[in-house]
Amino acid sequence: MASSKAFVVASLVISLLLLLHHIVEADEALASPAQAPQMDCGGACSARCRLSSRPRLCKRACGSCCARCNCVPPGTSGNYEVCPCYANLTTRAGQHKCP
């Protein structure tokens, strides 16, 4: 009788340890989500700034925004709804930072 109680207690302890281990693994998986792959900011900004009257300034600003947001809206202007982070960056004067 005593050995069967010890077996039950040992089984419960092992089950609880395994459960705790799975909970910790799940918690770690939620805490560190997989990062999105880094986009090619140079290529995206070259396409975005190809019609700009000041392409070097445009590419520099676009590159800064892309590095921060990991996103560049398609086309040469507009389409900010595709990339809200890009659209919400402003200069100190309150103007849109990103071309």
N, C-alpha and C. Protein backbone atom coordinates (compact mmCIF):
# COMPACT_ATOMS: atom_id res chain seq x y z
N MET A 1 0.82 -1.20 0.00
CA MET A 1 0.00 0.00 0.00
C MET A 1 0.86 1.26 0.00
N ALA A 2 1.92 1.24 0.80
CA ALA A 2 2.79 2.41 0.89
C ALA A 2 3.52 2.65 -0.42
N SER A 3 3.90 1.56 -1.09
CA SER A 3 4.62 1.72 -2.36
C SER A 3 3.69 2.25 -3.45
N SER A 4 2.41 1.89 -3.42
CA SER A 4 1.47 2.42 -4.42
C SER A 4 1.21 3.91 -4.18
N LYS A 5 1.18 4.35 -2.93
CA LYS A 5 1.02 5.78 -2.63
C LYS A 5 2.25 6.56 -3.09
N ALA A 6 3.42 5.99 -2.85
CA ALA A 6 4.66 6.63 -3.29
C ALA A 6 4.70 6.74 -4.81
N PHE A 7 4.23 5.70 -5.49
CA PHE A 7 4.19 5.71 -6.95
C PHE A 7 3.23 6.79 -7.46
N VAL A 8 2.08 6.92 -6.84
CA VAL A 8 1.10 7.94 -7.23
C VAL A 8 1.67 9.33 -7.00
N VAL A 9 2.30 9.55 -5.86
CA VAL A 9 2.89 10.86 -5.55
C VAL A 9 4.01 11.18 -6.53
N ALA A 10 4.86 10.20 -6.80
CA ALA A 10 5.96 10.41 -7.75
C ALA A 10 5.40 10.72 -9.14
N SER A 11 4.35 10.02 -9.55
CA SER A 11 3.74 10.28 -10.85
C SER A 11 3.16 11.68 -10.92
N LEU A 12 2.52 12.12 -9.85
CA LEU A 12 1.97 13.47 -9.82
C LEU A 12 3.07 14.53 -9.89
N VAL A 13 4.14 14.32 -9.17
CA VAL A 13 5.26 15.28 -9.19
C VAL A 13 5.86 15.37 -10.59
N ILE A 14 6.08 14.23 -11.22
CA ILE A 14 6.65 14.21 -12.57
C ILE A 14 5.69 14.89 -13.55
N SER A 15 4.40 14.62 -13.42
CA SER A 15 3.41 15.25 -14.30
C SER A 15 3.40 16.76 -14.13
N LEU A 16 3.47 17.22 -12.90
CA LEU A 16 3.49 18.66 -12.64
C LEU A 16 4.75 19.31 -13.20
N LEU A 17 5.89 18.63 -13.07
CA LEU A 17 7.14 19.17 -13.62
C LEU A 17 7.08 19.26 -15.14
N LEU A 18 6.54 18.24 -15.77
CA LEU A 18 6.39 18.27 -17.23
C LEU A 18 5.44 19.39 -17.67
N LEU A 19 4.35 19.55 -16.96
CA LEU A 19 3.39 20.61 -17.27
C LEU A 19 4.04 21.98 -17.11
N LEU A 20 4.78 22.15 -16.04
CA LEU A 20 5.48 23.42 -15.81
C LEU A 20 6.49 23.70 -16.91
N HIS A 21 7.20 22.67 -17.35
CA HIS A 21 8.17 22.82 -18.44
C HIS A 21 7.48 23.28 -19.72
N HIS A 22 6.34 22.70 -20.05
CA HIS A 22 5.60 23.09 -21.26
C HIS A 22 5.06 24.51 -21.15
N ILE A 23 4.64 24.91 -19.98
CA ILE A 23 4.14 26.27 -19.78
C ILE A 23 5.26 27.28 -19.97
N VAL A 24 6.44 26.98 -19.44
CA VAL A 24 7.59 27.88 -19.58
C VAL A 24 8.01 27.99 -21.04
N GLU A 25 8.02 26.88 -21.77
CA GLU A 25 8.37 26.92 -23.20
C GLU A 25 7.37 27.76 -23.98
N ALA A 26 6.09 27.60 -23.69
CA ALA A 26 5.06 28.38 -24.38
C ALA A 26 5.19 29.86 -24.06
N ASP A 27 5.52 30.18 -22.83
CA ASP A 27 5.72 31.57 -22.42
C ASP A 27 6.90 32.19 -23.16
N GLU A 28 7.98 31.45 -23.29
CA GLU A 28 9.16 31.96 -24.01
C GLU A 28 8.85 32.17 -25.48
N ALA A 29 8.06 31.29 -26.07
CA ALA A 29 7.69 31.43 -27.47
C ALA A 29 6.85 32.69 -27.70
N LEU A 30 5.98 33.01 -26.76
CA LEU A 30 5.16 34.22 -26.88
C LEU A 30 5.98 35.47 -26.62
N ALA A 31 6.97 35.39 -25.76
CA ALA A 31 7.77 36.57 -25.40
C ALA A 31 8.70 36.99 -26.52
N SER A 32 9.14 36.07 -27.35
CA SER A 32 10.07 36.41 -28.42
C SER A 32 9.51 35.95 -29.76
N PRO A 33 8.57 36.73 -30.32
CA PRO A 33 7.99 36.34 -31.61
C PRO A 33 9.03 36.42 -32.72
N ALA A 34 8.84 35.63 -33.74
CA ALA A 34 9.76 35.64 -34.87
C ALA A 34 9.73 37.01 -35.55
N GLN A 35 10.90 37.54 -35.84
CA GLN A 35 10.98 38.85 -36.48
C GLN A 35 10.75 38.70 -37.98
N ALA A 36 10.11 39.71 -38.54
CA ALA A 36 9.90 39.72 -39.98
C ALA A 36 11.26 39.91 -40.66
N PRO A 37 11.46 39.32 -41.81
CA PRO A 37 12.75 39.49 -42.49
C PRO A 37 12.97 40.96 -42.84
N GLN A 38 14.21 41.39 -42.74
CA GLN A 38 14.57 42.77 -43.04
C GLN A 38 14.40 43.01 -44.54
N MET A 39 13.73 44.08 -44.90
CA MET A 39 13.50 44.35 -46.31
C MET A 39 14.70 45.07 -46.93
N ASP A 40 14.80 45.01 -48.25
CA ASP A 40 15.87 45.68 -48.99
C ASP A 40 15.51 47.15 -49.12
N CYS A 41 15.94 47.96 -48.16
CA CYS A 41 15.58 49.37 -48.16
C CYS A 41 16.17 50.12 -49.35
N GLY A 42 17.39 49.75 -49.75
CA GLY A 42 18.02 50.43 -50.89
C GLY A 42 17.20 50.30 -52.15
N GLY A 43 16.78 49.08 -52.46
CA GLY A 43 16.00 48.85 -53.67
C GLY A 43 14.62 49.48 -53.59
N ALA A 44 13.98 49.36 -52.43
CA ALA A 44 12.65 49.93 -52.26
C ALA A 44 12.69 51.45 -52.37
N CYS A 45 13.71 52.07 -51.77
CA CYS A 45 13.80 53.53 -51.81
C CYS A 45 14.22 54.04 -53.19
N SER A 46 15.02 53.26 -53.91
CA SER A 46 15.36 53.65 -55.28
C SER A 46 14.10 53.69 -56.14
N ALA A 47 13.25 52.70 -55.97
CA ALA A 47 11.99 52.67 -56.72
C ALA A 47 11.09 53.82 -56.28
N ARG A 48 11.02 54.07 -54.97
CA ARG A 48 10.15 55.13 -54.44
C ARG A 48 10.61 56.51 -54.92
N CYS A 49 11.91 56.72 -55.04
CA CYS A 49 12.46 58.05 -55.33
C CYS A 49 12.87 58.24 -56.79
N ARG A 50 12.52 57.32 -57.66
CA ARG A 50 13.03 57.41 -59.03
C ARG A 50 12.53 58.63 -59.79
N LEU A 51 11.39 59.21 -59.43
CA LEU A 51 10.89 60.40 -60.13
C LEU A 51 11.12 61.69 -59.34
N SER A 52 11.82 61.60 -58.23
CA SER A 52 12.03 62.77 -57.38
C SER A 52 12.95 63.78 -58.06
N SER A 53 12.71 65.07 -57.79
CA SER A 53 13.59 66.10 -58.33
C SER A 53 14.90 66.16 -57.54
N ARG A 54 14.90 65.61 -56.33
CA ARG A 54 16.11 65.56 -55.50
C ARG A 54 16.31 64.12 -55.02
N PRO A 55 16.77 63.25 -55.92
CA PRO A 55 16.80 61.82 -55.60
C PRO A 55 17.70 61.44 -54.42
N ARG A 56 18.83 62.11 -54.25
CA ARG A 56 19.72 61.74 -53.12
C ARG A 56 19.07 62.09 -51.78
N LEU A 57 18.44 63.25 -51.69
CA LEU A 57 17.75 63.64 -50.47
C LEU A 57 16.58 62.69 -50.21
N CYS A 58 15.85 62.36 -51.25
CA CYS A 58 14.71 61.45 -51.14
C CYS A 58 15.16 60.08 -50.65
N LYS A 59 16.23 59.55 -51.23
CA LYS A 59 16.72 58.22 -50.83
C LYS A 59 17.24 58.22 -49.41
N ARG A 60 17.87 59.31 -48.99
CA ARG A 60 18.38 59.39 -47.62
C ARG A 60 17.22 59.39 -46.62
N ALA A 61 16.19 60.20 -46.88
CA ALA A 61 15.03 60.24 -45.98
C ALA A 61 14.27 58.92 -46.02
N CYS A 62 14.10 58.38 -47.19
CA CYS A 62 13.39 57.11 -47.34
C CYS A 62 14.15 55.99 -46.62
N GLY A 63 15.47 55.97 -46.76
CA GLY A 63 16.28 54.95 -46.10
C GLY A 63 16.17 55.02 -44.59
N SER A 64 16.15 56.23 -44.05
CA SER A 64 15.99 56.42 -42.61
C SER A 64 14.64 55.89 -42.15
N CYS A 65 13.60 56.20 -42.89
CA CYS A 65 12.25 55.75 -42.55
C CYS A 65 12.12 54.23 -42.69
N CYS A 66 12.71 53.69 -43.74
CA CYS A 66 12.64 52.26 -43.98
C CYS A 66 13.38 51.49 -42.88
N ALA A 67 14.52 52.00 -42.45
CA ALA A 67 15.29 51.34 -41.39
C ALA A 67 14.49 51.30 -40.10
N ARG A 68 13.74 52.34 -39.84
CA ARG A 68 12.94 52.40 -38.61
C ARG A 68 11.67 51.55 -38.72
N CYS A 69 11.02 51.57 -39.88
CA CYS A 69 9.71 50.91 -40.02
C CYS A 69 9.77 49.56 -40.72
N ASN A 70 10.87 49.26 -41.41
CA ASN A 70 11.00 48.04 -42.21
C ASN A 70 9.85 47.95 -43.22
N CYS A 71 9.55 49.09 -43.83
CA CYS A 71 8.43 49.15 -44.77
C CYS A 71 8.59 50.41 -45.63
N VAL A 72 8.29 50.30 -46.91
CA VAL A 72 8.24 51.44 -47.83
C VAL A 72 6.99 51.25 -48.67
N PRO A 73 6.11 52.26 -48.71
CA PRO A 73 4.89 52.12 -49.52
C PRO A 73 5.23 51.95 -51.01
N PRO A 74 4.40 51.23 -51.75
CA PRO A 74 4.64 51.05 -53.18
C PRO A 74 4.40 52.34 -53.95
N GLY A 75 4.99 52.42 -55.12
CA GLY A 75 4.79 53.59 -55.98
C GLY A 75 5.76 54.71 -55.66
N THR A 76 5.63 55.80 -56.38
CA THR A 76 6.55 56.92 -56.20
C THR A 76 6.03 57.97 -55.23
N SER A 77 4.76 57.91 -54.87
CA SER A 77 4.21 58.82 -53.86
C SER A 77 2.89 58.25 -53.35
N GLY A 78 2.45 58.78 -52.21
CA GLY A 78 1.18 58.33 -51.65
C GLY A 78 1.25 56.91 -51.12
N ASN A 79 0.11 56.25 -51.09
CA ASN A 79 -0.04 54.87 -50.61
C ASN A 79 0.42 54.68 -49.17
N TYR A 80 0.31 55.73 -48.36
CA TYR A 80 0.78 55.66 -46.97
C TYR A 80 -0.03 54.68 -46.13
N GLU A 81 -1.26 54.37 -46.53
CA GLU A 81 -2.08 53.45 -45.75
C GLU A 81 -1.48 52.04 -45.70
N VAL A 82 -0.61 51.71 -46.64
CA VAL A 82 0.03 50.41 -46.66
C VAL A 82 1.05 50.29 -45.53
N CYS A 83 1.63 51.40 -45.15
CA CYS A 83 2.70 51.41 -44.15
C CYS A 83 2.47 52.54 -43.15
N PRO A 84 1.63 52.33 -42.13
CA PRO A 84 1.28 53.41 -41.19
C PRO A 84 2.48 53.98 -40.44
N CYS A 85 3.45 53.15 -40.08
CA CYS A 85 4.63 53.65 -39.38
C CYS A 85 5.34 54.68 -40.24
N TYR A 86 5.51 54.37 -41.51
CA TYR A 86 6.18 55.25 -42.47
C TYR A 86 5.42 56.57 -42.58
N ALA A 87 4.11 56.48 -42.57
CA ALA A 87 3.28 57.68 -42.73
C ALA A 87 3.28 58.56 -41.49
N ASN A 88 3.48 57.96 -40.30
CA ASN A 88 3.37 58.72 -39.06
C ASN A 88 4.67 59.37 -38.60
N LEU A 89 5.79 59.09 -39.26
CA LEU A 89 7.04 59.74 -38.87
C LEU A 89 7.03 61.19 -39.35
N THR A 90 7.38 62.10 -38.45
CA THR A 90 7.37 63.53 -38.81
C THR A 90 8.69 64.18 -38.41
N THR A 91 8.95 65.34 -39.00
CA THR A 91 10.11 66.13 -38.63
C THR A 91 9.80 66.93 -37.36
N ARG A 92 10.78 67.63 -36.86
CA ARG A 92 10.53 68.46 -35.67
C ARG A 92 9.49 69.54 -35.96
N ALA A 93 9.40 69.95 -37.21
CA ALA A 93 8.42 70.97 -37.58
C ALA A 93 7.03 70.40 -37.81
N GLY A 94 6.88 69.07 -37.68
CA GLY A 94 5.56 68.46 -37.84
C GLY A 94 5.23 68.05 -39.26
N GLN A 95 6.18 68.17 -40.18
CA GLN A 95 5.93 67.76 -41.57
C GLN A 95 6.27 66.28 -41.73
N HIS A 96 5.72 65.66 -42.78
CA HIS A 96 6.04 64.26 -43.05
C HIS A 96 7.52 64.13 -43.30
N LYS A 97 8.15 63.18 -42.61
CA LYS A 97 9.58 62.96 -42.78
C LYS A 97 9.86 62.10 -44.01
N CYS A 98 8.97 61.16 -44.27
CA CYS A 98 9.23 60.14 -45.29
C CYS A 98 8.59 60.52 -46.62
N PRO A 99 9.37 60.40 -47.70
CA PRO A 99 8.84 60.75 -49.04
C PRO A 99 7.85 59.72 -49.55
